[in-house]
């Protein structure tokens, strides 16, 4: 198990740049233009950004179908605004989308998963991903690299992806972004932990591995 906040060695500017690219993805990837996607995949979570970001994309008419994932994660640290107890994350996200005006007819839900790999594995039983060409996905910005690589590994090779990340952090009143993570010890530790998880799950076969490790890390 990779710690959420491991000890971080001193980082060079080159290592910081590479960590940003791997963990948050290329800036060109995560700030797309008005390109539409055939399906929007929402990774489970308790942060309001899950449904708020999904609604923004739907409202902008960039997608017509939304697949929401997320079950009950025992012992998970939930966002401070979460007031829904042990309800499956996908049920709450769907409910919030309906309140915002999204039609129930366009929403699919997967409500058994407890992690990124299960989000995708259980979703495959509900939807034929070979029937689409472009998949958008909503996730926390510091999880974008790991979740994109997991989608790549687990779904058909012909799919192209449009990430729609939102900034947040495990700490109240602070956000980790591609622009500020390197300025605090906590940010460095969290992003370095994401890098280690990408290495670990790549070796395990859950996600597309890095072509090579960052020199010195």
C-alpha atoms as a PDB file:
ATOM      1  CA  UNK A   1       0.000   0.000   0.000  1.00  0.00           C
ATOM      2  CA  UNK A   2       1.396   3.392  -1.028  1.00  0.00           C
ATOM      3  CA  UNK A   3       1.006   6.030   1.739  1.00  0.00           C
ATOM      4  CA  UNK A   4      -1.204   8.977   0.849  1.00  0.00           C
ATOM      5  CA  UNK A   5       1.523  11.362   1.999  1.00  0.00           C
ATOM      6  CA  UNK A   6       4.960   9.722   1.702  1.00  0.00           C
ATOM      7  CA  UNK A   7       8.275  11.389   2.502  1.00  0.00           C
ATOM      8  CA  UNK A   8       9.519  13.359  -0.495  1.00  0.00           C
ATOM      9  CA  UNK A   9      13.164  13.639  -1.554  1.00  0.00           C
ATOM     10  CA  UNK A  10      14.491  17.048  -2.655  1.00  0.00           C
ATOM     11  CA  UNK A  11      13.080  17.824  -6.105  1.00  0.00           C
ATOM     12  CA  UNK A  12      14.784  19.503  -9.044  1.00  0.00           C
ATOM     13  CA  UNK A  13      12.818  21.756 -11.391  1.00  0.00           C
ATOM     14  CA  UNK A  14      13.012  19.060 -14.067  1.00  0.00           C
ATOM     15  CA  UNK A  15      11.527  16.498 -11.676  1.00  0.00           C
ATOM     16  CA  UNK A  16       8.767  18.946 -10.691  1.00  0.00           C
ATOM     17  CA  UNK A  17       7.897  19.505 -14.355  1.00  0.00           C
ATOM     18  CA  UNK A  18       7.761  15.763 -15.032  1.00  0.00           C
ATOM     19  CA  UNK A  19       5.689  15.041 -11.926  1.00  0.00           C
ATOM     20  CA  UNK A  20       3.205  17.712 -12.997  1.00  0.00           C
ATOM     21  CA  UNK A  21       2.905  16.221 -16.473  1.00  0.00           C
ATOM     22  CA  UNK A  22       2.483  12.654 -15.192  1.00  0.00           C
ATOM     23  CA  UNK A  23       0.130  13.322 -12.280  1.00  0.00           C
ATOM     24  CA  UNK A  24      -1.982  16.169 -13.736  1.00  0.00           C
ATOM     25  CA  UNK A  25      -1.483  15.303 -17.442  1.00  0.00           C
ATOM     26  CA  UNK A  26      -0.344  17.670 -20.173  1.00  0.00           C
ATOM     27  CA  UNK A  27      -1.914  21.112 -19.960  1.00  0.00           C
ATOM     28  CA  UNK A  28      -3.190  20.770 -23.543  1.00  0.00           C
ATOM     29  CA  UNK A  29      -5.011  17.559 -22.601  1.00  0.00           C
ATOM     30  CA  UNK A  30      -6.970  18.940 -19.664  1.00  0.00           C
ATOM     31  CA  UNK A  31      -8.040  22.259 -21.127  1.00  0.00           C
ATOM     32  CA  UNK A  32      -9.828  21.093 -24.287  1.00  0.00           C
ATOM     33  CA  UNK A  33     -11.791  23.345 -26.614  1.00  0.00           C
ATOM     34  CA  UNK A  34     -15.426  22.723 -27.486  1.00  0.00           C
ATOM     35  CA  UNK A  35     -14.866  19.156 -28.596  1.00  0.00           C
ATOM     36  CA  UNK A  36     -17.782  16.888 -27.693  1.00  0.00           C
ATOM     37  CA  UNK A  37     -17.557  13.417 -26.173  1.00  0.00           C
ATOM     38  CA  UNK A  38     -19.838  10.446 -26.782  1.00  0.00           C
ATOM     39  CA  UNK A  39     -20.092   9.645 -23.072  1.00  0.00           C
ATOM     40  CA  UNK A  40     -19.070  11.365 -19.847  1.00  0.00           C
ATOM     41  CA  UNK A  41     -17.600   9.056 -17.198  1.00  0.00           C
ATOM     42  CA  UNK A  42     -17.829  10.435 -13.646  1.00  0.00           C
ATOM     43  CA  UNK A  43     -15.450   8.825 -11.174  1.00  0.00           C
ATOM     44  CA  UNK A  44     -17.081   8.349  -7.776  1.00  0.00           C
ATOM     45  CA  UNK A  45     -16.412  10.741  -4.912  1.00  0.00           C
ATOM     46  CA  UNK A  46     -18.034  12.905  -2.246  1.00  0.00           C
ATOM     47  CA  UNK A  47     -16.721  16.281  -3.426  1.00  0.00           C
ATOM     48  CA  UNK A  48     -19.320  18.618  -4.993  1.00  0.00           C
ATOM     49  CA  UNK A  49     -16.944  19.003  -7.943  1.00  0.00           C
ATOM     50  CA  UNK A  50     -18.063  15.562  -9.133  1.00  0.00           C
ATOM     51  CA  UNK A  51     -21.566  16.720 -10.002  1.00  0.00           C
ATOM     52  CA  UNK A  52     -20.836  20.402 -10.527  1.00  0.00           C
ATOM     53  CA  UNK A  53     -18.217  19.651 -13.197  1.00  0.00           C
ATOM     54  CA  UNK A  54     -20.413  17.029 -14.848  1.00  0.00           C
ATOM     55  CA  UNK A  55     -23.292  19.506 -14.993  1.00  0.00           C
ATOM     56  CA  UNK A  56     -21.095  22.213 -16.537  1.00  0.00           C
ATOM     57  CA  UNK A  57     -20.123  19.831 -19.333  1.00  0.00           C
ATOM     58  CA  UNK A  58     -23.726  18.742 -19.901  1.00  0.00           C
ATOM     59  CA  UNK A  59     -24.987  22.330 -19.821  1.00  0.00           C
ATOM     60  CA  UNK A  60     -22.351  23.318 -22.389  1.00  0.00           C
ATOM     61  CA  UNK A  61     -23.809  20.598 -24.659  1.00  0.00           C
ATOM     62  CA  UNK A  62     -20.504  18.740 -24.832  1.00  0.00           C
ATOM     63  CA  UNK A  63     -22.141  15.418 -23.944  1.00  0.00           C
ATOM     64  CA  UNK A  64     -25.587  13.806 -24.059  1.00  0.00           C
ATOM     65  CA  UNK A  65     -24.968  10.716 -21.895  1.00  0.00           C
ATOM     66  CA  UNK A  66     -23.449  10.491 -18.410  1.00  0.00           C
ATOM     67  CA  UNK A  67     -22.224   7.378 -16.603  1.00  0.00           C
ATOM     68  CA  UNK A  68     -21.885   7.990 -12.860  1.00  0.00           C
ATOM     69  CA  UNK A  69     -19.872   5.580 -10.713  1.00  0.00           C
ATOM     70  CA  UNK A  70     -19.256   5.034  -7.013  1.00  0.00           C
ATOM     71  CA  UNK A  71     -20.547   2.778  -4.266  1.00  0.00           C
ATOM     72  CA  UNK A  72     -20.023   2.806  -0.507  1.00  0.00           C
ATOM     73  CA  UNK A  73     -16.422   3.064   0.709  1.00  0.00           C
ATOM     74  CA  UNK A  74     -16.234   1.982   4.372  1.00  0.00           C
ATOM     75  CA  UNK A  75     -13.869   4.180   6.345  1.00  0.00           C
ATOM     76  CA  UNK A  76     -13.386   6.674   3.522  1.00  0.00           C
ATOM     77  CA  UNK A  77     -12.642  10.297   4.388  1.00  0.00           C
ATOM     78  CA  UNK A  78     -15.587  12.233   2.993  1.00  0.00           C
ATOM     79  CA  UNK A  79     -15.762  15.862   1.952  1.00  0.00           C
ATOM     80  CA  UNK A  80     -16.871  18.198   4.740  1.00  0.00           C
ATOM     81  CA  UNK A  81     -20.089  19.058   2.884  1.00  0.00           C
ATOM     82  CA  UNK A  82     -21.153  15.414   2.522  1.00  0.00           C
ATOM     83  CA  UNK A  83     -24.342  14.859   4.541  1.00  0.00           C
ATOM     84  CA  UNK A  84     -25.538  11.613   3.039  1.00  0.00           C
ATOM     85  CA  UNK A  85     -24.073   8.997   5.372  1.00  0.00           C
ATOM     86  CA  UNK A  86     -23.377   5.674   3.704  1.00  0.00           C
ATOM     87  CA  UNK A  87     -25.480   6.251   0.622  1.00  0.00           C
ATOM     88  CA  UNK A  88     -23.673   5.106  -2.541  1.00  0.00           C
ATOM     89  CA  UNK A  89     -21.761   7.988  -4.102  1.00  0.00           C
ATOM     90  CA  UNK A  90     -23.349   7.395  -7.514  1.00  0.00           C
ATOM     91  CA  UNK A  91     -26.855   7.783  -6.064  1.00  0.00           C
ATOM     92  CA  UNK A  92     -26.021  11.166  -4.543  1.00  0.00           C
ATOM     93  CA  UNK A  93     -24.233  12.402  -7.670  1.00  0.00           C
ATOM     94  CA  UNK A  94     -27.228  11.369  -9.790  1.00  0.00           C
ATOM     95  CA  UNK A  95     -29.610  13.104  -7.384  1.00  0.00           C
ATOM     96  CA  UNK A  96     -27.563  16.313  -7.535  1.00  0.00           C
ATOM     97  CA  UNK A  97     -27.475  16.212 -11.338  1.00  0.00           C
ATOM     98  CA  UNK A  98     -31.259  15.821 -11.433  1.00  0.00           C
ATOM     99  CA  UNK A  99     -31.654  18.804  -9.094  1.00  0.00           C
ATOM    100  CA  UNK A 100     -29.481  20.855 -11.453  1.00  0.00           C
ATOM    101  CA  UNK A 101     -31.703  19.982 -14.390  1.00  0.00           C
ATOM    102  CA  UNK A 102     -30.066  16.994 -16.073  1.00  0.00           C
ATOM    103  CA  UNK A 103     -32.611  14.567 -17.539  1.00  0.00           C
ATOM    104  CA  UNK A 104     -32.813  11.200 -15.790  1.00  0.00           C
ATOM    105  CA  UNK A 105     -32.950   9.573 -19.225  1.00  0.00           C
ATOM    106  CA  UNK A 106     -29.310  10.408 -19.967  1.00  0.00           C
ATOM    107  CA  UNK A 107     -27.825   9.125 -16.674  1.00  0.00           C
ATOM    108  CA  UNK A 108     -26.503   5.608 -16.059  1.00  0.00           C
ATOM    109  CA  UNK A 109     -25.262   4.669 -12.598  1.00  0.00           C
ATOM    110  CA  UNK A 110     -22.806   2.083 -11.296  1.00  0.00           C
ATOM    111  CA  UNK A 111     -23.120   1.860  -7.509  1.00  0.00           C
ATOM    112  CA  UNK A 112     -20.969  -1.063  -6.329  1.00  0.00           C
ATOM    113  CA  UNK A 113     -17.412   0.186  -6.814  1.00  0.00           C
ATOM    114  CA  UNK A 114     -15.005   1.265  -4.082  1.00  0.00           C
ATOM    115  CA  UNK A 115     -11.956   2.347  -6.098  1.00  0.00           C
ATOM    116  CA  UNK A 116     -10.838   3.540  -9.533  1.00  0.00           C
ATOM    117  CA  UNK A 117     -10.367   0.086 -11.031  1.00  0.00           C
ATOM    118  CA  UNK A 118     -13.788  -1.059  -9.797  1.00  0.00           C
ATOM    119  CA  UNK A 119     -15.385   2.160 -11.107  1.00  0.00           C
ATOM    120  CA  UNK A 120     -14.320   1.057 -14.575  1.00  0.00           C
ATOM    121  CA  UNK A 121     -14.691  -2.724 -14.198  1.00  0.00           C
ATOM    122  CA  UNK A 122     -18.277  -2.559 -12.946  1.00  0.00           C
ATOM    123  CA  UNK A 123     -19.171   0.147 -15.481  1.00  0.00           C
ATOM    124  CA  UNK A 124     -18.155  -2.232 -18.287  1.00  0.00           C
ATOM    125  CA  UNK A 125     -21.021  -4.498 -17.245  1.00  0.00           C
ATOM    126  CA  UNK A 126     -23.478  -1.636 -17.825  1.00  0.00           C
ATOM    127  CA  UNK A 127     -22.194  -0.009 -20.977  1.00  0.00           C
ATOM    128  CA  UNK A 128     -20.603  -1.206 -24.220  1.00  0.00           C
ATOM    129  CA  UNK A 129     -17.553   1.047 -24.518  1.00  0.00           C
ATOM    130  CA  UNK A 130     -16.769  -0.389 -27.951  1.00  0.00           C
ATOM    131  CA  UNK A 131     -19.820   1.526 -29.229  1.00  0.00           C
ATOM    132  CA  UNK A 132     -18.200   4.961 -28.708  1.00  0.00           C
ATOM    133  CA  UNK A 133     -15.082   6.751 -29.877  1.00  0.00           C
ATOM    134  CA  UNK A 134     -14.585   9.610 -27.395  1.00  0.00           C
ATOM    135  CA  UNK A 135     -14.887   9.385 -23.615  1.00  0.00           C
ATOM    136  CA  UNK A 136     -14.839  12.407 -21.321  1.00  0.00           C
ATOM    137  CA  UNK A 137     -14.125  11.838 -17.643  1.00  0.00           C
ATOM    138  CA  UNK A 138     -14.583  13.895 -14.482  1.00  0.00           C
ATOM    139  CA  UNK A 139     -12.049  13.480 -11.693  1.00  0.00           C
ATOM    140  CA  UNK A 140      -9.944  15.308  -9.133  1.00  0.00           C
ATOM    141  CA  UNK A 141      -7.068  17.061 -10.888  1.00  0.00           C
ATOM    142  CA  UNK A 142      -4.345  15.262  -8.924  1.00  0.00           C
ATOM    143  CA  UNK A 143      -5.931  11.921  -9.870  1.00  0.00           C
ATOM    144  CA  UNK A 144      -6.198  12.672 -13.594  1.00  0.00           C
ATOM    145  CA  UNK A 145      -2.997  10.917 -14.639  1.00  0.00           C
ATOM    146  CA  UNK A 146      -3.713   7.738 -12.698  1.00  0.00           C
ATOM    147  CA  UNK A 147      -7.345   7.539 -13.754  1.00  0.00           C
ATOM    148  CA  UNK A 148      -6.599   8.293 -17.404  1.00  0.00           C
ATOM    149  CA  UNK A 149      -4.016   5.510 -17.452  1.00  0.00           C
ATOM    150  CA  UNK A 150      -6.484   3.115 -15.821  1.00  0.00           C
ATOM    151  CA  UNK A 151      -9.120   3.908 -18.446  1.00  0.00           C
ATOM    152  CA  UNK A 152      -6.520   3.392 -21.174  1.00  0.00           C
ATOM    153  CA  UNK A 153      -5.601  -0.015 -19.813  1.00  0.00           C
ATOM    154  CA  UNK A 154      -9.100  -1.287 -19.092  1.00  0.00           C
ATOM    155  CA  UNK A 155     -11.138   0.032 -22.035  1.00  0.00           C
ATOM    156  CA  UNK A 156     -10.910  -0.510 -25.836  1.00  0.00           C
ATOM    157  CA  UNK A 157      -7.699   0.729 -27.412  1.00  0.00           C
ATOM    158  CA  UNK A 158      -9.484   2.859 -30.028  1.00  0.00           C
ATOM    159  CA  UNK A 159     -10.993   5.255 -27.468  1.00  0.00           C
ATOM    160  CA  UNK A 160      -9.791   8.830 -27.167  1.00  0.00           C
ATOM    161  CA  UNK A 161     -10.175  10.730 -23.901  1.00  0.00           C
ATOM    162  CA  UNK A 162     -11.060  14.227 -22.744  1.00  0.00           C
ATOM    163  CA  UNK A 163     -10.227  14.832 -19.052  1.00  0.00           C
ATOM    164  CA  UNK A 164     -12.373  17.290 -17.089  1.00  0.00           C
ATOM    165  CA  UNK A 165     -10.512  17.645 -13.768  1.00  0.00           C
ATOM    166  CA  UNK A 166     -11.411  19.868 -10.839  1.00  0.00           C
ATOM    167  CA  UNK A 167      -9.022  21.110  -8.151  1.00  0.00           C
ATOM    168  CA  UNK A 168      -9.397  20.039  -4.538  1.00  0.00           C
ATOM    169  CA  UNK A 169      -7.293  18.605  -1.715  1.00  0.00           C
ATOM    170  CA  UNK A 170      -7.625  16.470   1.428  1.00  0.00           C
ATOM    171  CA  UNK A 171      -7.312  19.628   3.551  1.00  0.00           C
ATOM    172  CA  UNK A 172      -9.980  22.189   4.295  1.00  0.00           C
ATOM    173  CA  UNK A 173      -9.760  25.578   2.578  1.00  0.00           C
ATOM    174  CA  UNK A 174      -6.841  24.531   0.370  1.00  0.00           C
ATOM    175  CA  UNK A 175      -6.589  23.158  -3.139  1.00  0.00           C
ATOM    176  CA  UNK A 176      -3.855  21.248  -4.904  1.00  0.00           C
ATOM    177  CA  UNK A 177      -3.459  22.297  -8.525  1.00  0.00           C
ATOM    178  CA  UNK A 178      -0.916  21.788 -11.276  1.00  0.00           C
ATOM    179  CA  UNK A 179       0.279  25.322 -10.560  1.00  0.00           C
ATOM    180  CA  UNK A 180       0.740  25.283  -6.781  1.00  0.00           C
ATOM    181  CA  UNK A 181       1.416  21.745  -5.521  1.00  0.00           C
ATOM    182  CA  UNK A 182       5.177  22.291  -5.473  1.00  0.00           C
ATOM    183  CA  UNK A 183       4.962  25.250  -3.090  1.00  0.00           C
ATOM    184  CA  UNK A 184       4.005  23.360   0.089  1.00  0.00           C
ATOM    185  CA  UNK A 185       5.337  20.226   1.806  1.00  0.00           C
ATOM    186  CA  UNK A 186       1.799  18.776   1.893  1.00  0.00           C
ATOM    187  CA  UNK A 187       1.285  19.365  -1.819  1.00  0.00           C
ATOM    188  CA  UNK A 188       4.624  17.810  -2.684  1.00  0.00           C
ATOM    189  CA  UNK A 189       3.878  14.777  -0.548  1.00  0.00           C
ATOM    190  CA  UNK A 190       0.425  14.189  -2.027  1.00  0.00           C
ATOM    191  CA  UNK A 191       1.566  14.539  -5.632  1.00  0.00           C
ATOM    192  CA  UNK A 192       4.625  12.369  -5.052  1.00  0.00           C
ATOM    193  CA  UNK A 193       2.287   9.742  -3.563  1.00  0.00           C
ATOM    194  CA  UNK A 194       0.186   9.839  -6.743  1.00  0.00           C
ATOM    195  CA  UNK A 195       3.324   9.295  -8.803  1.00  0.00           C
ATOM    196  CA  UNK A 196       4.253   6.277  -6.666  1.00  0.00           C
ATOM    197  CA  UNK A 197       0.740   4.874  -7.101  1.00  0.00           C
ATOM    198  CA  UNK A 198       1.015   5.220 -10.870  1.00  0.00           C
ATOM    199  CA  UNK A 199       4.259   3.249 -10.728  1.00  0.00           C
ATOM    200  CA  UNK A 200       2.787   0.607  -8.407  1.00  0.00           C
ATOM    201  CA  UNK A 201      -0.461   0.026 -10.289  1.00  0.00           C
ATOM    202  CA  UNK A 202       1.391   0.105 -13.583  1.00  0.00           C
ATOM    203  CA  UNK A 203       3.606  -2.735 -12.405  1.00  0.00           C
ATOM    204  CA  UNK A 204       0.530  -4.558 -11.109  1.00  0.00           C
ATOM    205  CA  UNK A 205      -1.153  -4.291 -14.511  1.00  0.00           C
ATOM    206  CA  UNK A 206      -4.123  -2.166 -13.463  1.00  0.00           C
ATOM    207  CA  UNK A 207      -3.126   0.835 -15.581  1.00  0.00           C
ATOM    208  CA  UNK A 208      -0.905   1.731 -18.522  1.00  0.00           C
ATOM    209  CA  UNK A 209       2.616   1.945 -17.054  1.00  0.00           C
ATOM    210  CA  UNK A 210       5.022   4.824 -17.502  1.00  0.00           C
ATOM    211  CA  UNK A 211       7.519   4.329 -20.296  1.00  0.00           C
ATOM    212  CA  UNK A 212      10.230   5.140 -17.767  1.00  0.00           C
ATOM    213  CA  UNK A 213      10.583   6.367 -14.202  1.00  0.00           C
ATOM    214  CA  UNK A 214      11.657   9.890 -13.393  1.00  0.00           C
ATOM    215  CA  UNK A 215      15.426   9.875 -12.956  1.00  0.00           C
ATOM    216  CA  UNK A 216      16.408  10.135  -9.307  1.00  0.00           C
ATOM    217  CA  UNK A 217      12.932   9.306  -7.923  1.00  0.00           C
END
